[in-house]
Amino acid sequence: MLAYYVEWHRREALKPLLHDDEYLATLRDQRANPVMPTSRSEGANAKAARHRSDDDLPVHSRNQQRQMQDLPQNSSWS
């Protein structure tokens, strides 16, 4: 249970750098029918199209994040 909690906090902190929709919770509160799925926000679509955040930083997918975790911490390039 602790691992899920830590992962949720990590995803929330890294949302601006990932292809996640930062405004999804707001859109869920504003929709008329709570059963219907929530569509992506315009900001999320723009971030996915440009592959850049609002601060002009490159955004990464979760696959890239997992691949970066698999890299060794102490590696020498010789």
N, C-alpha and C. Protein backbone atom coordinates (compact mmCIF):
# COMPACT_ATOMS: atom_id res chain seq x y z
N MET A 1 0.82 -1.19 0.00
CA MET A 1 0.00 0.00 0.00
C MET A 1 0.88 1.26 0.00
N LEU A 2 1.95 1.22 0.73
CA LEU A 2 2.86 2.36 0.79
C LEU A 2 3.48 2.64 -0.59
N ALA A 3 3.77 1.59 -1.33
CA ALA A 3 4.37 1.76 -2.65
C ALA A 3 3.41 2.49 -3.59
N TYR A 4 2.12 2.17 -3.54
CA TYR A 4 1.14 2.86 -4.38
C TYR A 4 1.02 4.33 -3.98
N TYR A 5 1.08 4.58 -2.71
CA TYR A 5 1.00 5.96 -2.20
C TYR A 5 2.20 6.78 -2.67
N VAL A 6 3.38 6.19 -2.59
CA VAL A 6 4.59 6.88 -3.04
C VAL A 6 4.55 7.09 -4.55
N GLU A 7 4.09 6.08 -5.29
CA GLU A 7 4.00 6.21 -6.74
C GLU A 7 3.00 7.30 -7.14
N TRP A 8 1.88 7.39 -6.44
CA TRP A 8 0.89 8.42 -6.73
C TRP A 8 1.48 9.81 -6.50
N HIS A 9 2.18 9.99 -5.40
CA HIS A 9 2.80 11.28 -5.12
C HIS A 9 3.88 11.62 -6.15
N ARG A 10 4.63 10.62 -6.56
CA ARG A 10 5.67 10.86 -7.56
C ARG A 10 5.05 11.26 -8.90
N ARG A 11 3.98 10.59 -9.29
CA ARG A 11 3.30 10.95 -10.54
C ARG A 11 2.70 12.35 -10.47
N GLU A 12 2.13 12.70 -9.32
CA GLU A 12 1.58 14.05 -9.16
C GLU A 12 2.68 15.11 -9.27
N ALA A 13 3.82 14.81 -8.70
CA ALA A 13 4.92 15.78 -8.74
C ALA A 13 5.52 15.90 -10.14
N LEU A 14 5.50 14.81 -10.90
CA LEU A 14 6.11 14.81 -12.22
C LEU A 14 5.12 15.05 -13.36
N LYS A 15 3.86 15.35 -13.05
CA LYS A 15 2.86 15.56 -14.10
C LYS A 15 3.27 16.59 -15.14
N PRO A 16 3.87 17.71 -14.75
CA PRO A 16 4.26 18.66 -15.79
C PRO A 16 5.31 18.11 -16.76
N LEU A 17 6.09 17.12 -16.35
CA LEU A 17 7.14 16.58 -17.20
C LEU A 17 6.73 15.31 -17.93
N LEU A 18 5.51 14.81 -17.66
CA LEU A 18 5.02 13.61 -18.31
C LEU A 18 3.86 13.96 -19.24
N HIS A 19 3.42 12.99 -20.01
CA HIS A 19 2.28 13.21 -20.90
C HIS A 19 0.96 13.04 -20.15
N ASP A 20 0.90 13.44 -18.92
CA ASP A 20 -0.32 13.35 -18.13
C ASP A 20 -1.13 14.63 -18.26
N ASP A 21 -2.45 14.50 -18.10
CA ASP A 21 -3.34 15.65 -18.16
C ASP A 21 -3.38 16.29 -16.77
N GLU A 22 -2.86 17.50 -16.67
CA GLU A 22 -2.80 18.19 -15.39
C GLU A 22 -4.15 18.72 -14.94
N TYR A 23 -5.09 18.84 -15.86
CA TYR A 23 -6.39 19.44 -15.55
C TYR A 23 -7.51 18.41 -15.54
N LEU A 24 -7.19 17.14 -15.43
CA LEU A 24 -8.18 16.08 -15.49
C LEU A 24 -9.16 16.14 -14.32
N ALA A 25 -8.67 16.39 -13.13
CA ALA A 25 -9.56 16.46 -11.96
C ALA A 25 -10.56 17.61 -12.09
N THR A 26 -10.11 18.74 -12.62
CA THR A 26 -11.00 19.88 -12.83
C THR A 26 -12.07 19.55 -13.86
N LEU A 27 -11.67 18.88 -14.94
CA LEU A 27 -12.63 18.51 -15.97
C LEU A 27 -13.64 17.49 -15.45
N ARG A 28 -13.20 16.58 -14.60
CA ARG A 28 -14.12 15.60 -14.02
C ARG A 28 -15.18 16.27 -13.15
N ASP A 29 -14.80 17.30 -12.44
CA ASP A 29 -15.75 18.02 -11.60
C ASP A 29 -16.74 18.83 -12.42
N GLN A 30 -16.34 19.28 -13.61
CA GLN A 30 -17.18 20.16 -14.41
C GLN A 30 -18.11 19.42 -15.37
N ARG A 31 -17.92 18.14 -15.60
CA ARG A 31 -18.75 17.45 -16.58
C ARG A 31 -20.17 17.26 -16.05
N ALA A 32 -21.11 17.22 -16.97
CA ALA A 32 -22.53 17.13 -16.60
C ALA A 32 -22.92 15.72 -16.17
N ASN A 33 -22.40 14.72 -16.84
CA ASN A 33 -22.76 13.34 -16.56
C ASN A 33 -21.56 12.64 -15.93
N PRO A 34 -21.66 12.21 -14.67
CA PRO A 34 -20.50 11.60 -14.01
C PRO A 34 -20.15 10.21 -14.54
N VAL A 35 -21.04 9.61 -15.34
CA VAL A 35 -20.78 8.27 -15.87
C VAL A 35 -19.95 8.34 -17.14
N MET A 36 -20.10 9.40 -17.89
CA MET A 36 -19.37 9.55 -19.16
C MET A 36 -17.88 9.74 -18.90
N PRO A 37 -17.03 9.20 -19.77
CA PRO A 37 -15.59 9.41 -19.61
C PRO A 37 -15.21 10.86 -19.86
N THR A 38 -14.16 11.29 -19.23
CA THR A 38 -13.69 12.66 -19.37
C THR A 38 -12.73 12.74 -20.55
N SER A 39 -12.94 13.73 -21.41
CA SER A 39 -12.04 13.91 -22.54
C SER A 39 -10.80 14.67 -22.09
N ARG A 40 -9.74 14.58 -22.87
CA ARG A 40 -8.50 15.27 -22.52
C ARG A 40 -8.67 16.77 -22.68
N SER A 41 -7.95 17.51 -21.88
CA SER A 41 -8.00 18.97 -21.96
C SER A 41 -7.21 19.46 -23.17
N GLU A 42 -7.45 20.71 -23.55
CA GLU A 42 -6.72 21.29 -24.67
C GLU A 42 -5.23 21.42 -24.34
N GLY A 43 -4.94 21.71 -23.08
CA GLY A 43 -3.54 21.80 -22.66
C GLY A 43 -2.81 20.48 -22.80
N ALA A 44 -3.48 19.38 -22.47
CA ALA A 44 -2.86 18.06 -22.60
C ALA A 44 -2.66 17.69 -24.06
N ASN A 45 -3.62 18.04 -24.91
CA ASN A 45 -3.47 17.78 -26.34
C ASN A 45 -2.32 18.59 -26.92
N ALA A 46 -2.19 19.84 -26.50
CA ALA A 46 -1.09 20.69 -26.98
C ALA A 46 0.25 20.15 -26.51
N LYS A 47 0.30 19.68 -25.26
CA LYS A 47 1.55 19.13 -24.71
C LYS A 47 1.95 17.87 -25.47
N ALA A 48 0.97 17.04 -25.82
CA ALA A 48 1.26 15.82 -26.56
C ALA A 48 1.69 16.12 -27.99
N ALA A 49 1.12 17.15 -28.59
CA ALA A 49 1.47 17.48 -29.97
C ALA A 49 2.87 18.10 -30.06
N ARG A 50 3.22 18.95 -29.10
CA ARG A 50 4.51 19.63 -29.14
C ARG A 50 5.62 18.83 -28.49
N HIS A 51 5.26 17.89 -27.63
CA HIS A 51 6.23 17.14 -26.81
C HIS A 51 7.02 18.09 -25.92
N ARG A 52 6.38 19.18 -25.52
CA ARG A 52 6.99 20.18 -24.64
C ARG A 52 5.95 20.61 -23.61
N SER A 53 6.39 20.96 -22.42
CA SER A 53 5.49 21.46 -21.39
C SER A 53 5.23 22.94 -21.60
N ASP A 54 4.42 23.54 -20.73
CA ASP A 54 4.14 24.97 -20.83
C ASP A 54 5.40 25.80 -20.57
N ASP A 55 6.34 25.24 -19.81
CA ASP A 55 7.60 25.92 -19.52
C ASP A 55 8.67 25.64 -20.58
N ASP A 56 8.26 25.03 -21.69
CA ASP A 56 9.13 24.67 -22.80
C ASP A 56 10.19 23.62 -22.42
N LEU A 57 9.83 22.75 -21.49
CA LEU A 57 10.69 21.62 -21.12
C LEU A 57 10.23 20.39 -21.89
N PRO A 58 11.13 19.49 -22.25
CA PRO A 58 10.70 18.27 -22.96
C PRO A 58 9.89 17.37 -22.02
N VAL A 59 8.81 16.80 -22.53
CA VAL A 59 8.00 15.88 -21.74
C VAL A 59 8.34 14.45 -22.15
N HIS A 60 8.16 13.54 -21.22
CA HIS A 60 8.52 12.14 -21.43
C HIS A 60 7.32 11.26 -21.16
N SER A 61 7.30 10.11 -21.79
CA SER A 61 6.26 9.14 -21.51
C SER A 61 6.68 8.29 -20.32
N ARG A 62 5.77 7.52 -19.80
CA ARG A 62 6.10 6.65 -18.67
C ARG A 62 7.08 5.57 -19.09
N ASN A 63 7.02 5.15 -20.36
CA ASN A 63 7.98 4.17 -20.86
C ASN A 63 9.39 4.71 -20.77
N GLN A 64 9.59 5.94 -21.18
CA GLN A 64 10.93 6.54 -21.10
C GLN A 64 11.37 6.67 -19.66
N GLN A 65 10.43 6.97 -18.77
CA GLN A 65 10.77 7.10 -17.35
C GLN A 65 11.22 5.75 -16.80
N ARG A 66 10.54 4.68 -17.18
CA ARG A 66 10.94 3.35 -16.71
C ARG A 66 12.31 2.96 -17.27
N GLN A 67 12.56 3.32 -18.52
CA GLN A 67 13.86 3.01 -19.12
C GLN A 67 14.98 3.76 -18.42
N MET A 68 14.72 4.99 -18.02
CA MET A 68 15.74 5.76 -17.32
C MET A 68 16.01 5.18 -15.93
N GLN A 69 14.99 4.58 -15.31
CA GLN A 69 15.19 3.97 -14.00
C GLN A 69 16.08 2.74 -14.10
N ASP A 70 16.05 2.07 -15.26
CA ASP A 70 16.83 0.86 -15.45
C ASP A 70 18.30 1.13 -15.73
N LEU A 71 18.64 2.37 -16.05
CA LEU A 71 20.05 2.68 -16.32
C LEU A 71 20.87 2.57 -15.04
N PRO A 72 22.06 2.07 -15.14
CA PRO A 72 22.89 1.98 -13.94
C PRO A 72 23.27 3.37 -13.44
N GLN A 73 23.36 3.53 -12.16
CA GLN A 73 23.69 4.82 -11.56
C GLN A 73 25.15 5.19 -11.80
N ASN A 74 26.03 4.23 -11.67
CA ASN A 74 27.47 4.49 -11.85
C ASN A 74 27.95 3.75 -13.08
N SER A 75 27.94 4.43 -14.19
CA SER A 75 28.41 3.79 -15.41
C SER A 75 29.54 4.64 -15.98
N SER A 76 30.49 3.98 -16.56
CA SER A 76 31.61 4.70 -17.19
C SER A 76 31.51 4.51 -18.69
N TRP A 77 31.67 5.58 -19.41
CA TRP A 77 31.63 5.55 -20.86
C TRP A 77 33.06 5.57 -21.39
N SER A 78 33.59 4.38 -21.66
CA SER A 78 34.95 4.35 -22.19
C SER A 78 34.99 3.66 -23.52
